[in-house]
Amino acid sequence: MISNETAVKQNLDDQEILNDVLFSQKQITGNYNTSGNECVDEKLKADMLNILRDEHNMQSDVFNQMLQRGWYQTPPAQQQKIDAARTKFQNISAQLA
């Protein structure tokens, strides 16, 4: 038997729903990315990559809605960390050239 408290909690609020949708979209894009990478058939691969792009767009829309509502906080990047990452990847790129 479900208590009244449990029954009330089953009604998710908008923030919980968007959190769930965003998490689901992250999982979906990961799956389509893997599928696209492992396709041998070029037509199927193109279809998978098109679906992946659409899923990324949906994920971005959900993320932006959460960001606008203050439900997803992203701390600003520290300039020192940005510079360190840029230097690291410039060095890797130079080694590969």
PDB file of N, CA and C in Angstrom:
ATOM      1  N   MET A   1       0.842  -1.184   0.000  1.00  0.00           N
ATOM      2  CA  MET A   1       0.000   0.000   0.000  1.00  0.00           C
ATOM      3  C   MET A   1       0.888   1.249   0.000  1.00  0.00           C
ATOM      4  N   ILE A   2       0.530   2.244  -0.794  1.00  0.00           N
ATOM      5  CA  ILE A   2       1.304   3.482  -0.901  1.00  0.00           C
ATOM      6  C   ILE A   2       0.735   4.504   0.077  1.00  0.00           C
ATOM      7  N   SER A   3       1.626   5.086   0.869  1.00  0.00           N
ATOM      8  CA  SER A   3       1.173   6.114   1.810  1.00  0.00           C
ATOM      9  C   SER A   3       0.865   7.397   1.058  1.00  0.00           C
ATOM     10  N   ASN A   4       0.138   8.308   1.699  1.00  0.00           N
ATOM     11  CA  ASN A   4      -0.188   9.594   1.080  1.00  0.00           C
ATOM     12  C   ASN A   4       1.068  10.383   0.743  1.00  0.00           C
ATOM     13  N   GLU A   5       2.071  10.323   1.627  1.00  0.00           N
ATOM     14  CA  GLU A   5       3.318  11.051   1.374  1.00  0.00           C
ATOM     15  C   GLU A   5       4.009  10.525   0.125  1.00  0.00           C
ATOM     16  N   THR A   6       4.030   9.223  -0.045  1.00  0.00           N
ATOM     17  CA  THR A   6       4.648   8.618  -1.228  1.00  0.00           C
ATOM     18  C   THR A   6       3.862   8.990  -2.475  1.00  0.00           C
ATOM     19  N   ALA A   7       2.555   8.956  -2.403  1.00  0.00           N
ATOM     20  CA  ALA A   7       1.720   9.295  -3.554  1.00  0.00           C
ATOM     21  C   ALA A   7       1.926  10.743  -3.970  1.00  0.00           C
ATOM     22  N   VAL A   8       2.046  11.643  -3.007  1.00  0.00           N
ATOM     23  CA  VAL A   8       2.262  13.059  -3.322  1.00  0.00           C
ATOM     24  C   VAL A   8       3.632  13.242  -3.956  1.00  0.00           C
ATOM     25  N   LYS A   9       4.657  12.543  -3.467  1.00  0.00           N
ATOM     26  CA  LYS A   9       6.015  12.692  -3.977  1.00  0.00           C
ATOM     27  C   LYS A   9       6.141  12.188  -5.405  1.00  0.00           C
ATOM     28  N   GLN A  10       5.247  11.313  -5.829  1.00  0.00           N
ATOM     29  CA  GLN A  10       5.315  10.794  -7.187  1.00  0.00           C
ATOM     30  C   GLN A  10       4.987  11.867  -8.216  1.00  0.00           C
ATOM     31  N   ASN A  11       4.389  12.953  -7.818  1.00  0.00           N
ATOM     32  CA  ASN A  11       4.132  14.070  -8.716  1.00  0.00           C
ATOM     33  C   ASN A  11       5.384  14.934  -8.755  1.00  0.00           C
ATOM     34  N   LEU A  12       6.134  14.825  -9.834  1.00  0.00           N
ATOM     35  CA  LEU A  12       7.386  15.551  -9.955  1.00  0.00           C
ATOM     36  C   LEU A  12       7.134  17.007 -10.321  1.00  0.00           C
ATOM     37  N   ASP A  13       7.998  17.881  -9.825  1.00  0.00           N
ATOM     38  CA  ASP A  13       7.876  19.279 -10.226  1.00  0.00           C
ATOM     39  C   ASP A  13       8.662  19.498 -11.524  1.00  0.00           C
ATOM     40  N   ASP A  14       8.531  20.703 -12.098  1.00  0.00           N
ATOM     41  CA  ASP A  14       9.165  20.999 -13.384  1.00  0.00           C
ATOM     42  C   ASP A  14      10.670  20.808 -13.340  1.00  0.00           C
ATOM     43  N   GLN A  15      11.312  21.206 -12.264  1.00  0.00           N
ATOM     44  CA  GLN A  15      12.762  21.073 -12.166  1.00  0.00           C
ATOM     45  C   GLN A  15      13.181  19.603 -12.173  1.00  0.00           C
ATOM     46  N   GLU A  16      12.471  18.771 -11.441  1.00  0.00           N
ATOM     47  CA  GLU A  16      12.794  17.341 -11.414  1.00  0.00           C
ATOM     48  C   GLU A  16      12.577  16.704 -12.790  1.00  0.00           C
ATOM     49  N   ILE A  17      11.532  17.118 -13.469  1.00  0.00           N
ATOM     50  CA  ILE A  17      11.248  16.583 -14.801  1.00  0.00           C
ATOM     51  C   ILE A  17      12.361  16.970 -15.764  1.00  0.00           C
ATOM     52  N   LEU A  18      12.757  18.253 -15.759  1.00  0.00           N
ATOM     53  CA  LEU A  18      13.821  18.682 -16.667  1.00  0.00           C
ATOM     54  C   LEU A  18      15.152  18.033 -16.317  1.00  0.00           C
ATOM     55  N   ASN A  19      15.425  17.836 -15.035  1.00  0.00           N
ATOM     56  CA  ASN A  19      16.638  17.111 -14.646  1.00  0.00           C
ATOM     57  C   ASN A  19      16.631  15.710 -15.231  1.00  0.00           C
ATOM     58  N   ASP A  20      15.496  15.047 -15.147  1.00  0.00           N
ATOM     59  CA  ASP A  20      15.377  13.695 -15.679  1.00  0.00           C
ATOM     60  C   ASP A  20      15.530  13.696 -17.199  1.00  0.00           C
ATOM     61  N   VAL A  21      14.898  14.659 -17.861  1.00  0.00           N
ATOM     62  CA  VAL A  21      14.995  14.747 -19.318  1.00  0.00           C
ATOM     63  C   VAL A  21      16.438  15.011 -19.734  1.00  0.00           C
ATOM     64  N   LEU A  22      17.128  15.914 -19.047  1.00  0.00           N
ATOM     65  CA  LEU A  22      18.514  16.221 -19.398  1.00  0.00           C
ATOM     66  C   LEU A  22      19.401  14.992 -19.206  1.00  0.00           C
ATOM     67  N   PHE A  23      19.232  14.299 -18.095  1.00  0.00           N
ATOM     68  CA  PHE A  23      19.998  13.075 -17.859  1.00  0.00           C
ATOM     69  C   PHE A  23      19.723  12.054 -18.959  1.00  0.00           C
ATOM     70  N   SER A  24      18.458  11.901 -19.323  1.00  0.00           N
ATOM     71  CA  SER A  24      18.087  10.946 -20.378  1.00  0.00           C
ATOM     72  C   SER A  24      18.704  11.336 -21.716  1.00  0.00           C
ATOM     73  N   GLN A  25      18.685  12.619 -22.033  1.00  0.00           N
ATOM     74  CA  GLN A  25      19.268  13.084 -23.295  1.00  0.00           C
ATOM     75  C   GLN A  25      20.770  12.816 -23.331  1.00  0.00           C
ATOM     76  N   LYS A  26      21.434  12.968 -22.203  1.00  0.00           N
ATOM     77  CA  LYS A  26      22.871  12.666 -22.156  1.00  0.00           C
ATOM     78  C   LYS A  26      23.114  11.192 -22.450  1.00  0.00           C
ATOM     79  N   GLN A  27      22.283  10.333 -21.901  1.00  0.00           N
ATOM     80  CA  GLN A  27      22.418   8.896 -22.154  1.00  0.00           C
ATOM     81  C   GLN A  27      22.122   8.578 -23.621  1.00  0.00           C
ATOM     82  N   ILE A  28      21.075   9.185 -24.155  1.00  0.00           N
ATOM     83  CA  ILE A  28      20.681   8.933 -25.542  1.00  0.00           C
ATOM     84  C   ILE A  28      21.774   9.370 -26.506  1.00  0.00           C
ATOM     85  N   THR A  29      22.336  10.572 -26.295  1.00  0.00           N
ATOM     86  CA  THR A  29      23.377  11.043 -27.205  1.00  0.00           C
ATOM     87  C   THR A  29      24.607  10.147 -27.122  1.00  0.00           C
ATOM     88  N   GLY A  30      24.916   9.654 -25.939  1.00  0.00           N
ATOM     89  CA  GLY A  30      26.038   8.732 -25.809  1.00  0.00           C
ATOM     90  C   GLY A  30      25.813   7.462 -26.611  1.00  0.00           C
ATOM     91  N   ASN A  31      24.588   6.944 -26.554  1.00  0.00           N
ATOM     92  CA  ASN A  31      24.269   5.722 -27.300  1.00  0.00           C
ATOM     93  C   ASN A  31      24.312   5.942 -28.807  1.00  0.00           C
ATOM     94  N   TYR A  32      23.740   7.056 -29.279  1.00  0.00           N
ATOM     95  CA  TYR A  32      23.781   7.331 -30.720  1.00  0.00           C
ATOM     96  C   TYR A  32      25.204   7.617 -31.181  1.00  0.00           C
ATOM     97  N   ASN A  33      26.009   8.240 -30.339  1.00  0.00           N
ATOM     98  CA  ASN A  33      27.401   8.499 -30.695  1.00  0.00           C
ATOM     99  C   ASN A  33      28.147   7.180 -30.896  1.00  0.00           C
ATOM    100  N   THR A  34      27.970   6.257 -29.960  1.00  0.00           N
ATOM    101  CA  THR A  34      28.607   4.947 -30.088  1.00  0.00           C
ATOM    102  C   THR A  34      28.107   4.228 -31.337  1.00  0.00           C
ATOM    103  N   SER A  35      26.808   4.267 -31.559  1.00  0.00           N
ATOM    104  CA  SER A  35      26.233   3.605 -32.740  1.00  0.00           C
ATOM    105  C   SER A  35      26.777   4.206 -34.025  1.00  0.00           C
ATOM    106  N   GLY A  36      26.858   5.525 -34.068  1.00  0.00           N
ATOM    107  CA  GLY A  36      27.387   6.190 -35.260  1.00  0.00           C
ATOM    108  C   GLY A  36      28.846   5.846 -35.509  1.00  0.00           C
ATOM    109  N   ASN A  37      29.608   5.775 -34.439  1.00  0.00           N
ATOM    110  CA  ASN A  37      31.027   5.431 -34.582  1.00  0.00           C
ATOM    111  C   ASN A  37      31.238   4.007 -35.059  1.00  0.00           C
ATOM    112  N   GLU A  38      30.339   3.109 -34.724  1.00  0.00           N
ATOM    113  CA  GLU A  38      30.540   1.697 -35.015  1.00  0.00           C
ATOM    114  C   GLU A  38      29.768   1.204 -36.238  1.00  0.00           C
ATOM    115  N   CYS A  39      29.121   2.111 -36.961  1.00  0.00           N
ATOM    116  CA  CYS A  39      28.388   1.708 -38.161  1.00  0.00           C
ATOM    117  C   CYS A  39      29.351   1.428 -39.314  1.00  0.00           C
ATOM    118  N   VAL A  40      29.115   0.325 -39.977  1.00  0.00           N
ATOM    119  CA  VAL A  40      29.900  -0.012 -41.157  1.00  0.00           C
ATOM    120  C   VAL A  40      29.201   0.536 -42.404  1.00  0.00           C
ATOM    121  N   ASP A  41      27.885   0.435 -42.425  1.00  0.00           N
ATOM    122  CA  ASP A  41      27.096   0.915 -43.552  1.00  0.00           C
ATOM    123  C   ASP A  41      27.052   2.435 -43.539  1.00  0.00           C
ATOM    124  N   GLU A  42      27.509   3.063 -44.617  1.00  0.00           N
ATOM    125  CA  GLU A  42      27.620   4.529 -44.656  1.00  0.00           C
ATOM    126  C   GLU A  42      26.267   5.228 -44.592  1.00  0.00           C
ATOM    127  N   LYS A  43      25.237   4.660 -45.214  1.00  0.00           N
ATOM    128  CA  LYS A  43      23.910   5.281 -45.163  1.00  0.00           C
ATOM    129  C   LYS A  43      23.358   5.226 -43.743  1.00  0.00           C
ATOM    130  N   LEU A  44      23.504   4.087 -43.096  1.00  0.00           N
ATOM    131  CA  LEU A  44      23.055   3.960 -41.712  1.00  0.00           C
ATOM    132  C   LEU A  44      23.850   4.885 -40.801  1.00  0.00           C
ATOM    133  N   LYS A  45      25.150   4.987 -41.035  1.00  0.00           N
ATOM    134  CA  LYS A  45      25.999   5.882 -40.239  1.00  0.00           C
ATOM    135  C   LYS A  45      25.521   7.327 -40.386  1.00  0.00           C
ATOM    136  N   ALA A  46      25.223   7.740 -41.611  1.00  0.00           N
ATOM    137  CA  ALA A  46      24.730   9.104 -41.840  1.00  0.00           C
ATOM    138  C   ALA A  46      23.419   9.334 -41.097  1.00  0.00           C
ATOM    139  N   ASP A  47      22.533   8.338 -41.133  1.00  0.00           N
ATOM    140  CA  ASP A  47      21.263   8.454 -40.409  1.00  0.00           C
ATOM    141  C   ASP A  47      21.504   8.577 -38.902  1.00  0.00           C
ATOM    142  N   MET A  48      22.398   7.750 -38.371  1.00  0.00           N
ATOM    143  CA  MET A  48      22.712   7.807 -36.935  1.00  0.00           C
ATOM    144  C   MET A  48      23.281   9.174 -36.548  1.00  0.00           C
ATOM    145  N   LEU A  49      24.157   9.708 -37.386  1.00  0.00           N
ATOM    146  CA  LEU A  49      24.755  11.007 -37.081  1.00  0.00           C
ATOM    147  C   LEU A  49      23.732  12.141 -37.187  1.00  0.00           C
ATOM    148  N   ASN A  50      22.776  12.012 -38.098  1.00  0.00           N
ATOM    149  CA  ASN A  50      21.694  13.003 -38.176  1.00  0.00           C
ATOM    150  C   ASN A  50      20.819  12.946 -36.926  1.00  0.00           C
ATOM    151  N   ILE A  51      20.509  11.735 -36.489  1.00  0.00           N
ATOM    152  CA  ILE A  51      19.721  11.586 -35.262  1.00  0.00           C
ATOM    153  C   ILE A  51      20.503  12.127 -34.074  1.00  0.00           C
ATOM    154  N   LEU A  52      21.809  11.840 -34.027  1.00  0.00           N
ATOM    155  CA  LEU A  52      22.666  12.346 -32.951  1.00  0.00           C
ATOM    156  C   LEU A  52      22.623  13.869 -32.896  1.00  0.00           C
ATOM    157  N   ARG A  53      22.713  14.521 -34.061  1.00  0.00           N
ATOM    158  CA  ARG A  53      22.644  15.983 -34.112  1.00  0.00           C
ATOM    159  C   ARG A  53      21.303  16.477 -33.553  1.00  0.00           C
ATOM    160  N   ASP A  54      20.209  15.829 -33.947  1.00  0.00           N
ATOM    161  CA  ASP A  54      18.894  16.209 -33.436  1.00  0.00           C
ATOM    162  C   ASP A  54      18.815  16.037 -31.917  1.00  0.00           C
ATOM    163  N   GLU A  55      19.372  14.931 -31.425  1.00  0.00           N
ATOM    164  CA  GLU A  55      19.357  14.682 -29.980  1.00  0.00           C
ATOM    165  C   GLU A  55      20.195  15.723 -29.235  1.00  0.00           C
ATOM    166  N   HIS A  56      21.334  16.098 -29.812  1.00  0.00           N
ATOM    167  CA  HIS A  56      22.151  17.147 -29.194  1.00  0.00           C
ATOM    168  C   HIS A  56      21.390  18.475 -29.155  1.00  0.00           C
ATOM    169  N   ASN A  57      20.646  18.775 -30.204  1.00  0.00           N
ATOM    170  CA  ASN A  57      19.850  20.003 -30.222  1.00  0.00           C
ATOM    171  C   ASN A  57      18.781  19.978 -29.134  1.00  0.00           C
ATOM    172  N   MET A  58      18.134  18.824 -28.955  1.00  0.00           N
ATOM    173  CA  MET A  58      17.128  18.709 -27.892  1.00  0.00           C
ATOM    174  C   MET A  58      17.785  18.853 -26.521  1.00  0.00           C
ATOM    175  N   GLN A  59      18.940  18.232 -26.350  1.00  0.00           N
ATOM    176  CA  GLN A  59      19.656  18.335 -25.080  1.00  0.00           C
ATOM    177  C   GLN A  59      20.020  19.786 -24.798  1.00  0.00           C
ATOM    178  N   SER A  60      20.458  20.497 -25.815  1.00  0.00           N
ATOM    179  CA  SER A  60      20.819  21.901 -25.661  1.00  0.00           C
ATOM    180  C   SER A  60      19.608  22.741 -25.272  1.00  0.00           C
ATOM    181  N   ASP A  61      18.462  22.459 -25.878  1.00  0.00           N
ATOM    182  CA  ASP A  61      17.239  23.187 -25.537  1.00  0.00           C
ATOM    183  C   ASP A  61      16.860  22.992 -24.069  1.00  0.00           C
ATOM    184  N   VAL A  62      16.941  21.757 -23.599  1.00  0.00           N
ATOM    185  CA  VAL A  62      16.611  21.464 -22.198  1.00  0.00           C
ATOM    186  C   VAL A  62      17.612  22.152 -21.284  1.00  0.00           C
ATOM    187  N   PHE A  63      18.899  22.039 -21.618  1.00  0.00           N
ATOM    188  CA  PHE A  63      19.943  22.673 -20.816  1.00  0.00           C
ATOM    189  C   PHE A  63      19.704  24.187 -20.717  1.00  0.00           C
ATOM    190  N   ASN A  64      19.407  24.811 -21.854  1.00  0.00           N
ATOM    191  CA  ASN A  64      19.176  26.265 -21.854  1.00  0.00           C
ATOM    192  C   ASN A  64      17.958  26.647 -21.023  1.00  0.00           C
ATOM    193  N   GLN A  65      16.896  25.840 -21.062  1.00  0.00           N
ATOM    194  CA  GLN A  65      15.723  26.109 -20.234  1.00  0.00           C
ATOM    195  C   GLN A  65      16.082  26.048 -18.747  1.00  0.00           C
ATOM    196  N   MET A  66      16.859  25.033 -18.391  1.00  0.00           N
ATOM    197  CA  MET A  66      17.267  24.899 -16.991  1.00  0.00           C
ATOM    198  C   MET A  66      18.173  26.053 -16.577  1.00  0.00           C
ATOM    199  N   LEU A  67      19.080  26.440 -17.453  1.00  0.00           N
ATOM    200  CA  LEU A  67      19.989  27.545 -17.174  1.00  0.00           C
ATOM    201  C   LEU A  67      19.216  28.846 -16.975  1.00  0.00           C
ATOM    202  N   GLN A  68      18.252  29.109 -17.848  1.00  0.00           N
ATOM    203  CA  GLN A  68      17.445  30.328 -17.749  1.00  0.00           C
ATOM    204  C   GLN A  68      16.636  30.376 -16.459  1.00  0.00           C
ATOM    205  N   ARG A  69      16.207  29.226 -15.981  1.00  0.00           N
ATOM    206  CA  ARG A  69      15.398  29.171 -14.760  1.00  0.00           C
ATOM    207  C   ARG A  69      16.249  29.104 -13.491  1.00  0.00           C
ATOM    208  N   GLY A  70      17.580  29.077 -13.663  1.00  0.00           N
ATOM    209  CA  GLY A  70      18.466  29.016 -12.515  1.00  0.00           C
ATOM    210  C   GLY A  70      18.554  27.633 -11.898  1.00  0.00           C
ATOM    211  N   TRP A  71      18.168  26.611 -12.643  1.00  0.00           N
ATOM    212  CA  TRP A  71      18.156  25.247 -12.130  1.00  0.00           C
ATOM    213  C   TRP A  71      19.418  24.478 -12.478  1.00  0.00           C
ATOM    214  N   TYR A  72      20.292  25.046 -13.273  1.00  0.00           N
ATOM    215  CA  TYR A  72      21.554  24.400 -13.643  1.00  0.00           C
ATOM    216  C   TYR A  72      22.625  25.466 -13.543  1.00  0.00           C
ATOM    217  N   GLN A  73      23.415  25.362 -12.519  1.00  0.00           N
ATOM    218  CA  GLN A  73      24.450  26.367 -12.270  1.00  0.00           C
ATOM    219  C   GLN A  73      25.756  25.935 -12.923  1.00  0.00           C
ATOM    220  N   THR A  74      26.332  26.824 -13.683  1.00  0.00           N
ATOM    221  CA  THR A  74      27.642  26.566 -14.276  1.00  0.00           C
ATOM    222  C   THR A  74      28.591  27.652 -13.794  1.00  0.00           C
ATOM    223  N   PRO A  75      29.571  27.266 -12.963  1.00  0.00           N
ATOM    224  CA  PRO A  75      30.505  28.273 -12.473  1.00  0.00           C
ATOM    225  C   PRO A  75      31.372  28.782 -13.621  1.00  0.00           C
ATOM    226  N   PRO A  76      31.721  30.060 -13.592  1.00  0.00           N
ATOM    227  CA  PRO A  76      32.585  30.585 -14.657  1.00  0.00           C
ATOM    228  C   PRO A  76      33.967  29.929 -14.587  1.00  0.00           C
ATOM    229  N   ALA A  77      34.542  29.692 -15.736  1.00  0.00           N
ATOM    230  CA  ALA A  77      35.872  29.085 -15.790  1.00  0.00           C
ATOM    231  C   ALA A  77      36.918  30.122 -15.381  1.00  0.00           C
ATOM    232  N   GLN A  78      37.882  29.654 -14.625  1.00  0.00           N
ATOM    233  CA  GLN A  78      38.975  30.526 -14.220  1.00  0.00           C
ATOM    234  C   GLN A  78      39.926  30.680 -15.408  1.00  0.00           C
ATOM    235  N   GLN A  79      40.376  31.912 -15.648  1.00  0.00           N
ATOM    236  CA  GLN A  79      41.239  32.182 -16.793  1.00  0.00           C
ATOM    237  C   GLN A  79      42.500  31.326 -16.755  1.00  0.00           C
ATOM    238  N   GLN A  80      43.035  31.087 -15.578  1.00  0.00           N
ATOM    239  CA  GLN A  80      44.239  30.262 -15.446  1.00  0.00           C
ATOM    240  C   GLN A  80      43.995  28.846 -15.969  1.00  0.00           C
ATOM    241  N   LYS A  81      42.818  28.285 -15.664  1.00  0.00           N
ATOM    242  CA  LYS A  81      42.492  26.936 -16.142  1.00  0.00           C
ATOM    243  C   LYS A  81      42.255  26.924 -17.652  1.00  0.00           C
ATOM    244  N   ILE A  82      41.658  27.977 -18.166  1.00  0.00           N
ATOM    245  CA  ILE A  82      41.445  28.083 -19.610  1.00  0.00           C
ATOM    246  C   ILE A  82      42.790  28.129 -20.326  1.00  0.00           C
ATOM    247  N   ASP A  83      43.692  28.962 -19.818  1.00  0.00           N
ATOM    248  CA  ASP A  83      45.020  29.090 -20.422  1.00  0.00           C
ATOM    249  C   ASP A  83      45.795  27.774 -20.365  1.00  0.00           C
ATOM    250  N   ALA A  84      45.694  27.063 -19.226  1.00  0.00           N
ATOM    251  CA  ALA A  84      46.399  25.792 -19.071  1.00  0.00           C
ATOM    252  C   ALA A  84      45.864  24.753 -20.066  1.00  0.00           C
ATOM    253  N   ALA A  85      44.544  24.700 -20.227  1.00  0.00           N
ATOM    254  CA  ALA A  85      43.944  23.753 -21.169  1.00  0.00           C
ATOM    255  C   ALA A  85      44.347  24.096 -22.601  1.00  0.00           C
ATOM    256  N   ARG A  86      44.336  25.364 -22.941  1.00  0.00           N
ATOM    257  CA  ARG A  86      44.722  25.800 -24.289  1.00  0.00           C
ATOM    258  C   ARG A  86      46.167  25.399 -24.569  1.00  0.00           C
ATOM    259  N   THR A  87      47.060  25.658 -23.629  1.00  0.00           N
ATOM    260  CA  THR A  87      48.472  25.319 -23.796  1.00  0.00           C
ATOM    261  C   THR A  87      48.649  23.815 -23.951  1.00  0.00           C
ATOM    262  N   LYS A  88      47.965  23.056 -23.110  1.00  0.00           N
ATOM    263  CA  LYS A  88      48.063  21.592 -23.168  1.00  0.00           C
ATOM    264  C   LYS A  88      47.678  21.070 -24.546  1.00  0.00           C
ATOM    265  N   PHE A  89      46.545  21.542 -25.076  1.00  0.00           N
ATOM    266  CA  PHE A  89      46.075  21.014 -26.356  1.00  0.00           C
ATOM    267  C   PHE A  89      46.840  21.594 -27.538  1.00  0.00           C
ATOM    268  N   GLN A  90      47.406  22.770 -27.395  1.00  0.00           N
ATOM    269  CA  GLN A  90      48.291  23.301 -28.442  1.00  0.00           C
ATOM    270  C   GLN A  90      49.559  22.456 -28.522  1.00  0.00           C
ATOM    271  N   ASN A  91      50.081  22.055 -27.365  1.00  0.00           N
ATOM    272  CA  ASN A  91      51.272  21.202 -27.337  1.00  0.00           C
ATOM    273  C   ASN A  91      50.984  19.829 -27.952  1.00  0.00           C
ATOM    274  N   ILE A  92      49.821  19.256 -27.623  1.00  0.00           N
ATOM    275  CA  ILE A  92      49.453  17.967 -28.219  1.00  0.00           C
ATOM    276  C   ILE A  92      49.285  18.100 -29.712  1.00  0.00           C
ATOM    277  N   SER A  93      48.659  19.164 -30.155  1.00  0.00           N
ATOM    278  CA  SER A  93      48.453  19.390 -31.579  1.00  0.00           C
ATOM    279  C   SER A  93      49.787  19.550 -32.302  1.00  0.00           C
ATOM    280  N   ALA A  94      50.710  20.259 -31.688  1.00  0.00           N
ATOM    281  CA  ALA A  94      52.032  20.449 -32.306  1.00  0.00           C
ATOM    282  C   ALA A  94      52.780  19.126 -32.426  1.00  0.00           C
ATOM    283  N   GLN A  95      52.620  18.253 -31.446  1.00  0.00           N
ATOM    284  CA  GLN A  95      53.286  16.953 -31.482  1.00  0.00           C
ATOM    285  C   GLN A  95      52.708  16.047 -32.577  1.00  0.00           C
ATOM    286  N   LEU A  96      51.432  16.226 -32.876  1.00  0.00           N
ATOM    287  CA  LEU A  96      50.785  15.397 -33.877  1.00  0.00           C
ATOM    288  C   LEU A  96      51.068  15.876 -35.305  1.00  0.00           C
ATOM    289  N   ALA A  97      51.486  17.114 -35.431  1.00  0.00           N
ATOM    290  CA  ALA A  97      51.707  17.686 -36.769  1.00  0.00           C
ATOM    291  C   ALA A  97      52.976  17.192 -37.406  1.00  0.00           C
TER     292      ALA A  97
END
